[in-house]
Protein backbone atom coordinates (compact mmCIF):
# COMPACT_ATOMS: atom_id res chain seq x y z
CA MET A 1 11.59 -59.83 -17.03
CA SER A 2 13.83 -60.03 -13.83
CA GLU A 3 13.63 -57.73 -11.09
CA VAL A 4 14.60 -54.07 -12.24
CA ALA A 5 15.74 -51.58 -9.61
CA SER A 6 17.73 -48.92 -11.39
CA LYS A 7 17.58 -47.16 -14.82
CA ASP A 8 20.79 -49.02 -15.83
CA GLU A 9 18.84 -52.06 -15.50
CA LEU A 10 15.44 -50.97 -17.13
CA ALA A 11 17.67 -49.88 -19.90
CA ARG A 12 19.24 -53.64 -20.05
CA ALA A 13 15.87 -55.10 -20.10
CA VAL A 14 15.09 -52.98 -22.94
CA HIS A 15 18.35 -53.89 -24.82
CA GLU A 16 17.51 -57.62 -24.29
CA LYS A 17 13.55 -57.43 -25.21
CA LEU A 18 13.99 -55.25 -28.29
CA GLN A 19 17.32 -56.35 -29.41
CA VAL A 20 18.81 -52.65 -29.96
CA THR A 21 22.17 -51.63 -28.89
CA LYS A 22 22.69 -50.78 -25.22
CA ARG A 23 23.30 -47.10 -25.98
CA ASP A 24 20.00 -47.03 -28.15
CA ALA A 25 18.10 -48.65 -25.13
CA MET A 26 19.47 -46.10 -22.72
CA LEU A 27 18.44 -43.21 -24.89
CA ALA A 28 15.02 -44.59 -25.13
CA VAL A 29 14.71 -44.96 -21.32
CA ASP A 30 16.24 -41.21 -21.16
CA ALA A 31 13.52 -40.24 -23.73
CA VAL A 32 10.57 -41.40 -21.77
CA PHE A 33 11.81 -40.24 -18.49
CA ASP A 34 12.48 -36.69 -19.88
CA ALA A 35 8.98 -36.82 -21.60
CA VAL A 36 7.33 -37.63 -18.38
CA LEU A 37 9.10 -35.07 -16.31
CA GLY A 38 8.47 -32.39 -18.97
CA ALA A 39 4.87 -33.08 -19.03
CA LEU A 40 4.65 -33.08 -15.18
CA ALA A 41 6.68 -29.78 -15.20
CA GLU A 42 4.05 -28.08 -17.34
CA GLY A 43 1.20 -29.21 -14.94
CA ARG A 44 -0.18 -31.94 -17.10
CA ASP A 45 -1.10 -35.65 -16.06
CA VAL A 46 0.74 -38.46 -17.97
CA ARG A 47 -1.64 -41.44 -18.61
CA VAL A 48 0.08 -44.70 -19.65
CA ALA A 49 -2.64 -47.21 -20.69
CA GLY A 50 -2.30 -50.35 -19.00
CA PHE A 51 0.25 -48.72 -16.23
CA GLY A 52 -1.18 -46.00 -14.48
CA VAL A 53 -1.35 -42.13 -14.13
CA PHE A 54 1.37 -39.69 -12.95
CA SER A 55 0.01 -36.49 -11.81
CA LEU A 56 0.77 -33.47 -9.58
CA LYS A 57 -0.83 -32.27 -6.28
CA LYS A 58 -0.36 -28.98 -4.93
CA GLN A 59 0.22 -29.23 -1.06
CA LYS A 60 -0.77 -26.10 0.62
CA PRO A 61 1.71 -24.08 3.07
CA ARG A 62 1.21 -25.37 6.36
CA GLN A 63 2.59 -25.01 10.07
CA GLY A 64 4.61 -27.82 11.22
CA ARG A 65 6.72 -28.25 14.68
CA ASN A 66 10.33 -29.04 15.08
CA PRO A 67 10.42 -32.22 16.77
CA LYS A 68 13.38 -31.51 19.22
CA THR A 69 12.02 -28.11 20.40
CA GLY A 70 8.56 -28.02 19.68
CA ALA A 71 8.98 -24.51 17.97
CA PRO A 72 6.52 -23.95 15.12
CA VAL A 73 8.04 -24.09 11.63
CA ALA A 74 6.50 -22.76 8.36
CA ILE A 75 6.51 -25.33 5.72
CA PRO A 76 6.07 -23.76 2.28
CA ALA A 77 3.79 -24.95 -0.63
CA LYS A 78 4.88 -27.49 -3.02
CA ASN A 79 4.04 -29.98 -5.66
CA VAL A 80 3.91 -33.54 -5.21
CA VAL A 81 4.14 -36.25 -7.89
CA LEU A 82 1.38 -38.75 -7.33
CA PHE A 83 1.24 -42.15 -9.21
CA ARG A 84 -2.20 -43.90 -9.63
CA PRO A 85 -1.58 -47.70 -10.83
CA SER A 86 -3.99 -49.18 -13.17
CA SER A 87 -6.00 -51.99 -12.35
CA LEU A 88 -3.61 -54.27 -14.35
CA VAL A 89 -0.49 -53.07 -12.33
CA LYS A 90 -2.40 -53.83 -9.12
CA GLU A 91 -3.36 -57.20 -10.03
CA ARG A 92 0.60 -58.02 -11.20
CA VAL A 93 1.74 -56.86 -7.76
CA GLN A 94 -0.63 -58.68 -5.60
CA GLY A 95 0.19 -62.04 -7.57
CA PRO A 96 -2.10 -64.89 -7.48
């Protein structure tokens, strides 16, 4: 597969690999993303065998500083999405 940089290109790759219509390929890609986002929104990890794990980390509220004025700024708590790649992904990215 060639370089994939956008959702459209990912759908095109699915279309070519599975020989389905471009519309069906886009629906499949959208369905996968919706399922991943839905699980994360519910606070569940998403484990894709041979690919990696998407999970949430809760960041605590903290004090920051305005870089221009140096004034303290309250940074609220938030959830951050993390991705831990599988060893297979790490090996493929590093190359030979």
